[in-house]
C-alpha cells in the first residue's frame, strides 16, 4: 500500500521526491499509532493494509488529539494531518474505502482550540519533561491522568443528573 500511495503522491499530487521522505515518515507514524490503538481493542494488525477496515472519522479525531496531547510541534502535527488527508483521498480514489475519514479534521492552531483539561495535561507533560522524567514514564503518567479526568467528568455528569 505504501508503494501505491507514493506513486499517487508523485504522479497525481505532484510532490517532489525530496518531500516524499516526510510523507513516508508521517504515514509510518500514523501506522504505528493505529496499530497500537486497535491493539487496545484486542485486534492484531501487522501492517497498514490490515488497519484500513478500522479507520474512521472518530479515529482521525483521536489521532489529532494524540498529536496535541503529546505536544507535537504544530508544524509537524499539521504536516502529519496533511499527509493523512492525501492518504484518505488516495483510499477513496482507489475504492479501498468509501468515505474521506479526514473530511472534518482541521489543522491545529498554536495555542487555540484546546480545552482546559488539555491545557493541564500539556502543562504537566512539559513539567515532566523539565524534570527529565523518562518518556515511557511520562506517557504512563499522562495516560493515568487522562483516565482519571475521564472518570471525574463521568462522575460530575452523574452528580448533575441526581
C-alpha atoms as a PDB file:
ATOM      1  CA  UNK A   1       0.000   0.000   0.000  1.00  0.00           C
ATOM      2  CA  UNK A   2       2.914   2.373   0.785  1.00  0.00           C
ATOM      3  CA  UNK A   3       4.319   1.998  -2.722  1.00  0.00           C
ATOM      4  CA  UNK A   4       0.979   2.711  -4.420  1.00  0.00           C
ATOM      5  CA  UNK A   5       0.455   5.734  -2.166  1.00  0.00           C
ATOM      6  CA  UNK A   6       3.925   7.036  -3.052  1.00  0.00           C
ATOM      7  CA  UNK A   7       3.177   6.639  -6.762  1.00  0.00           C
ATOM      8  CA  UNK A   8      -0.099   8.533  -6.242  1.00  0.00           C
ATOM      9  CA  UNK A   9       1.744  11.356  -4.455  1.00  0.00           C
ATOM     10  CA  UNK A  10       4.346  11.689  -7.196  1.00  0.00           C
ATOM     11  CA  UNK A  11       2.146  11.166 -10.263  1.00  0.00           C
ATOM     12  CA  UNK A  12      -1.210  12.682  -9.240  1.00  0.00           C
ATOM     13  CA  UNK A  13      -0.393  15.163  -6.475  1.00  0.00           C
ATOM     14  CA  UNK A  14       2.946  16.188  -7.943  1.00  0.00           C
ATOM     15  CA  UNK A  15       5.105  16.183  -4.831  1.00  0.00           C
ATOM     16  CA  UNK A  16       8.853  16.113  -5.175  1.00  0.00           C
ATOM     17  CA  UNK A  17      10.879  13.048  -4.340  1.00  0.00           C
ATOM     18  CA  UNK A  18      12.525  15.127  -1.631  1.00  0.00           C
ATOM     19  CA  UNK A  19       9.147  15.735   0.047  1.00  0.00           C
ATOM     20  CA  UNK A  20       8.353  12.046  -0.215  1.00  0.00           C
ATOM     21  CA  UNK A  21      10.537  11.298   2.821  1.00  0.00           C
ATOM     22  CA  UNK A  22       8.221  13.410   5.019  1.00  0.00           C
ATOM     23  CA  UNK A  23       5.134  11.636   3.693  1.00  0.00           C
ATOM     24  CA  UNK A  24       6.780   8.265   4.381  1.00  0.00           C
ATOM     25  CA  UNK A  25       7.664   9.335   7.896  1.00  0.00           C
ATOM     26  CA  UNK A  26       4.208  10.762   8.604  1.00  0.00           C
ATOM     27  CA  UNK A  27       2.369   7.713   7.300  1.00  0.00           C
ATOM     28  CA  UNK A  28       4.729   5.431   9.196  1.00  0.00           C
ATOM     29  CA  UNK A  29       3.980   7.376  12.386  1.00  0.00           C
ATOM     30  CA  UNK A  30       0.236   7.018  11.796  1.00  0.00           C
ATOM     31  CA  UNK A  31       0.655   3.322  11.011  1.00  0.00           C
ATOM     32  CA  UNK A  32       2.452   2.700  14.290  1.00  0.00           C
ATOM     33  CA  UNK A  33      -0.150   4.712  16.199  1.00  0.00           C
ATOM     34  CA  UNK A  34      -3.159   2.975  14.654  1.00  0.00           C
ATOM     35  CA  UNK A  35      -1.665  -0.493  15.107  1.00  0.00           C
ATOM     36  CA  UNK A  36      -1.211   0.231  18.818  1.00  0.00           C
ATOM     37  CA  UNK A  37      -4.662   1.839  19.014  1.00  0.00           C
ATOM     38  CA  UNK A  38      -6.533  -1.118  17.570  1.00  0.00           C
ATOM     39  CA  UNK A  39      -4.390  -3.490  19.601  1.00  0.00           C
ATOM     40  CA  UNK A  40      -6.051  -1.981  22.694  1.00  0.00           C
ATOM     41  CA  UNK A  41      -9.326  -3.258  21.216  1.00  0.00           C
ATOM     42  CA  UNK A  42      -7.886  -6.765  21.095  1.00  0.00           C
ATOM     43  CA  UNK A  43      -7.272  -6.686  17.337  1.00  0.00           C
ATOM     44  CA  UNK A  44      -3.917  -7.696  15.927  1.00  0.00           C
ATOM     45  CA  UNK A  45      -2.679  -5.894  12.823  1.00  0.00           C
ATOM     46  CA  UNK A  46       0.837  -6.011  11.453  1.00  0.00           C
ATOM     47  CA  UNK A  47       0.679  -3.530   8.587  1.00  0.00           C
ATOM     48  CA  UNK A  48      -1.235  -0.508   7.345  1.00  0.00           C
ATOM     49  CA  UNK A  49      -3.436  -2.522   4.983  1.00  0.00           C
ATOM     50  CA  UNK A  50      -4.763  -4.555   7.897  1.00  0.00           C
ATOM     51  CA  UNK A  51      -5.752  -1.365   9.764  1.00  0.00           C
ATOM     52  CA  UNK A  52      -7.834   0.141   6.944  1.00  0.00           C
ATOM     53  CA  UNK A  53     -11.137  -1.513   7.994  1.00  0.00           C
ATOM     54  CA  UNK A  54     -10.805   0.243  11.366  1.00  0.00           C
ATOM     55  CA  UNK A  55     -10.119   3.739  10.027  1.00  0.00           C
ATOM     56  CA  UNK A  56     -12.924   6.152  10.863  1.00  0.00           C
ATOM     57  CA  UNK A  57     -13.548   9.846  11.378  1.00  0.00           C
ATOM     58  CA  UNK A  58     -13.553   9.265  15.133  1.00  0.00           C
ATOM     59  CA  UNK A  59     -10.166   7.556  14.893  1.00  0.00           C
ATOM     60  CA  UNK A  60      -8.822  10.520  12.902  1.00  0.00           C
ATOM     61  CA  UNK A  61     -10.049  12.878  15.639  1.00  0.00           C
ATOM     62  CA  UNK A  62      -8.350  10.717  18.258  1.00  0.00           C
ATOM     63  CA  UNK A  63      -5.102  10.813  16.279  1.00  0.00           C
ATOM     64  CA  UNK A  64      -5.225  14.616  16.150  1.00  0.00           C
ATOM     65  CA  UNK A  65      -5.924  14.695  19.907  1.00  0.00           C
ATOM     66  CA  UNK A  66      -2.957  12.362  20.399  1.00  0.00           C
ATOM     67  CA  UNK A  67      -0.695  14.751  18.473  1.00  0.00           C
ATOM     68  CA  UNK A  68      -1.901  17.715  20.541  1.00  0.00           C
ATOM     69  CA  UNK A  69      -1.749  15.977  23.910  1.00  0.00           C
ATOM     70  CA  UNK A  70       1.787  14.748  23.239  1.00  0.00           C
ATOM     71  CA  UNK A  71       2.966  18.268  22.483  1.00  0.00           C
ATOM     72  CA  UNK A  72       3.934  17.506  18.907  1.00  0.00           C
ATOM     73  CA  UNK A  73       5.022  20.761  17.272  1.00  0.00           C
ATOM     74  CA  UNK A  74       2.113  22.428  15.482  1.00  0.00           C
ATOM     75  CA  UNK A  75       4.009  22.462  12.182  1.00  0.00           C
ATOM     76  CA  UNK A  76       4.784  18.732  12.444  1.00  0.00           C
ATOM     77  CA  UNK A  77       1.256  17.934  13.578  1.00  0.00           C
ATOM     78  CA  UNK A  78      -0.269  19.824  10.666  1.00  0.00           C
ATOM     79  CA  UNK A  79       2.094  18.173   8.185  1.00  0.00           C
ATOM     80  CA  UNK A  80       1.042  14.754   9.533  1.00  0.00           C
ATOM     81  CA  UNK A  81      -2.627  15.706   9.208  1.00  0.00           C
ATOM     82  CA  UNK A  82      -1.991  16.898   5.649  1.00  0.00           C
ATOM     83  CA  UNK A  83      -0.391  13.559   4.822  1.00  0.00           C
ATOM     84  CA  UNK A  84      -3.464  11.787   6.162  1.00  0.00           C
ATOM     85  CA  UNK A  85      -5.731  13.989   4.040  1.00  0.00           C
ATOM     86  CA  UNK A  86      -3.810  12.837   0.951  1.00  0.00           C
ATOM     87  CA  UNK A  87      -3.933   9.255   2.213  1.00  0.00           C
ATOM     88  CA  UNK A  88      -7.717   9.477   2.717  1.00  0.00           C
ATOM     89  CA  UNK A  89      -8.169  10.789  -0.846  1.00  0.00           C
ATOM     90  CA  UNK A  90      -5.924   8.006  -2.152  1.00  0.00           C
ATOM     91  CA  UNK A  91      -8.019   5.361  -0.358  1.00  0.00           C
ATOM     92  CA  UNK A  92     -11.277   6.812  -1.728  1.00  0.00           C
ATOM     93  CA  UNK A  93      -9.946   7.208  -5.294  1.00  0.00           C
ATOM     94  CA  UNK A  94      -8.815   3.590  -5.277  1.00  0.00           C
ATOM     95  CA  UNK A  95     -12.145   2.320  -3.875  1.00  0.00           C
ATOM     96  CA  UNK A  96     -10.437   0.979  -0.767  1.00  0.00           C
ATOM     97  CA  UNK A  97     -12.833   2.934   1.455  1.00  0.00           C
ATOM     98  CA  UNK A  98     -15.952   4.895   0.517  1.00  0.00           C
ATOM     99  CA  UNK A  99     -15.575   7.975   2.742  1.00  0.00           C
ATOM    100  CA  UNK A 100     -12.981  10.640   3.475  1.00  0.00           C
ATOM    101  CA  UNK A 101     -12.038   9.959   7.094  1.00  0.00           C
ATOM    102  CA  UNK A 102     -10.180  13.298   7.276  1.00  0.00           C
ATOM    103  CA  UNK A 103     -13.092  15.376   5.967  1.00  0.00           C
ATOM    104  CA  UNK A 104     -13.728  17.440   9.121  1.00  0.00           C
ATOM    105  CA  UNK A 105     -10.242  17.331  10.632  1.00  0.00           C
ATOM    106  CA  UNK A 106      -8.703  20.788  10.604  1.00  0.00           C
ATOM    107  CA  UNK A 107      -5.127  21.785  11.220  1.00  0.00           C
ATOM    108  CA  UNK A 108      -4.049  22.625  14.740  1.00  0.00           C
ATOM    109  CA  UNK A 109      -3.644  26.258  15.665  1.00  0.00           C
ATOM    110  CA  UNK A 110      -0.947  27.364  18.017  1.00  0.00           C
ATOM    111  CA  UNK A 111      -2.462  27.618  21.500  1.00  0.00           C
ATOM    112  CA  UNK A 112      -6.067  27.663  20.338  1.00  0.00           C
ATOM    113  CA  UNK A 113      -8.990  25.272  20.481  1.00  0.00           C
ATOM    114  CA  UNK A 114      -7.643  23.356  23.430  1.00  0.00           C
ATOM    115  CA  UNK A 115      -9.770  22.607  26.411  1.00  0.00           C
ATOM    116  CA  UNK A 116      -8.877  23.417  29.982  1.00  0.00           C
ATOM    117  CA  UNK A 117      -8.182  19.711  30.591  1.00  0.00           C
ATOM    118  CA  UNK A 118      -5.874  19.510  27.552  1.00  0.00           C
ATOM    119  CA  UNK A 119      -4.013  22.601  28.781  1.00  0.00           C
ATOM    120  CA  UNK A 120      -3.497  20.979  32.196  1.00  0.00           C
ATOM    121  CA  UNK A 121      -2.197  17.813  30.553  1.00  0.00           C
ATOM    122  CA  UNK A 122       0.147  19.811  28.293  1.00  0.00           C
ATOM    123  CA  UNK A 123       1.471  21.764  31.269  1.00  0.00           C
ATOM    124  CA  UNK A 124       2.024  18.557  33.224  1.00  0.00           C
ATOM    125  CA  UNK A 125       3.790  16.948  30.241  1.00  0.00           C
ATOM    126  CA  UNK A 126       6.062  20.000  30.000  1.00  0.00           C
ATOM    127  CA  UNK A 127       6.769  19.757  33.728  1.00  0.00           C
ATOM    128  CA  UNK A 128       7.686  16.076  33.408  1.00  0.00           C
ATOM    129  CA  UNK A 129       9.994  16.932  30.535  1.00  0.00           C
ATOM    130  CA  UNK A 130      11.802  19.647  32.516  1.00  0.00           C
ATOM    131  CA  UNK A 131      12.135  17.187  35.402  1.00  0.00           C
ATOM    132  CA  UNK A 132      13.772  14.777  32.934  1.00  0.00           C
ATOM    133  CA  UNK A 133      11.229  12.031  33.605  1.00  0.00           C
ATOM    134  CA  UNK A 134      11.658   9.217  31.079  1.00  0.00           C
ATOM    135  CA  UNK A 135       9.428   9.321  28.013  1.00  0.00           C
ATOM    136  CA  UNK A 136       7.830   5.986  28.886  1.00  0.00           C
ATOM    137  CA  UNK A 137       7.063   7.077  32.456  1.00  0.00           C
ATOM    138  CA  UNK A 138       5.667  10.388  31.198  1.00  0.00           C
ATOM    139  CA  UNK A 139       3.339   8.594  28.780  1.00  0.00           C
ATOM    140  CA  UNK A 140       2.119   6.357  31.611  1.00  0.00           C
ATOM    141  CA  UNK A 141       1.522   9.324  33.940  1.00  0.00           C
ATOM    142  CA  UNK A 142      -0.342  11.225  31.235  1.00  0.00           C
ATOM    143  CA  UNK A 143      -2.469   8.184  30.383  1.00  0.00           C
ATOM    144  CA  UNK A 144      -3.332   7.829  34.086  1.00  0.00           C
ATOM    145  CA  UNK A 145      -4.311  11.499  34.318  1.00  0.00           C
ATOM    146  CA  UNK A 146      -6.483  11.262  31.204  1.00  0.00           C
ATOM    147  CA  UNK A 147      -8.220   8.211  32.623  1.00  0.00           C
ATOM    148  CA  UNK A 148      -8.753   9.992  35.943  1.00  0.00           C
ATOM    149  CA  UNK A 149     -10.100  13.119  34.224  1.00  0.00           C
ATOM    150  CA  UNK A 150     -12.467  10.981  32.176  1.00  0.00           C
ATOM    151  CA  UNK A 151     -13.680   9.264  35.339  1.00  0.00           C
ATOM    152  CA  UNK A 152     -14.054  12.617  37.065  1.00  0.00           C
ATOM    153  CA  UNK A 153     -16.027  14.011  34.141  1.00  0.00           C
ATOM    154  CA  UNK A 154     -18.351  10.976  34.199  1.00  0.00           C
ATOM    155  CA  UNK A 155     -18.716  11.335  37.972  1.00  0.00           C
ATOM    156  CA  UNK A 156     -19.599  15.029  37.636  1.00  0.00           C
ATOM    157  CA  UNK A 157     -22.179  14.212  34.969  1.00  0.00           C
ATOM    158  CA  UNK A 158     -23.715  11.618  37.235  1.00  0.00           C
ATOM    159  CA  UNK A 159     -23.953  14.084  40.125  1.00  0.00           C
ATOM    160  CA  UNK A 160     -25.560  16.747  37.941  1.00  0.00           C
ATOM    161  CA  UNK A 161     -28.246  14.251  36.935  1.00  0.00           C
ATOM    162  CA  UNK A 162     -29.028  13.296  40.540  1.00  0.00           C
END
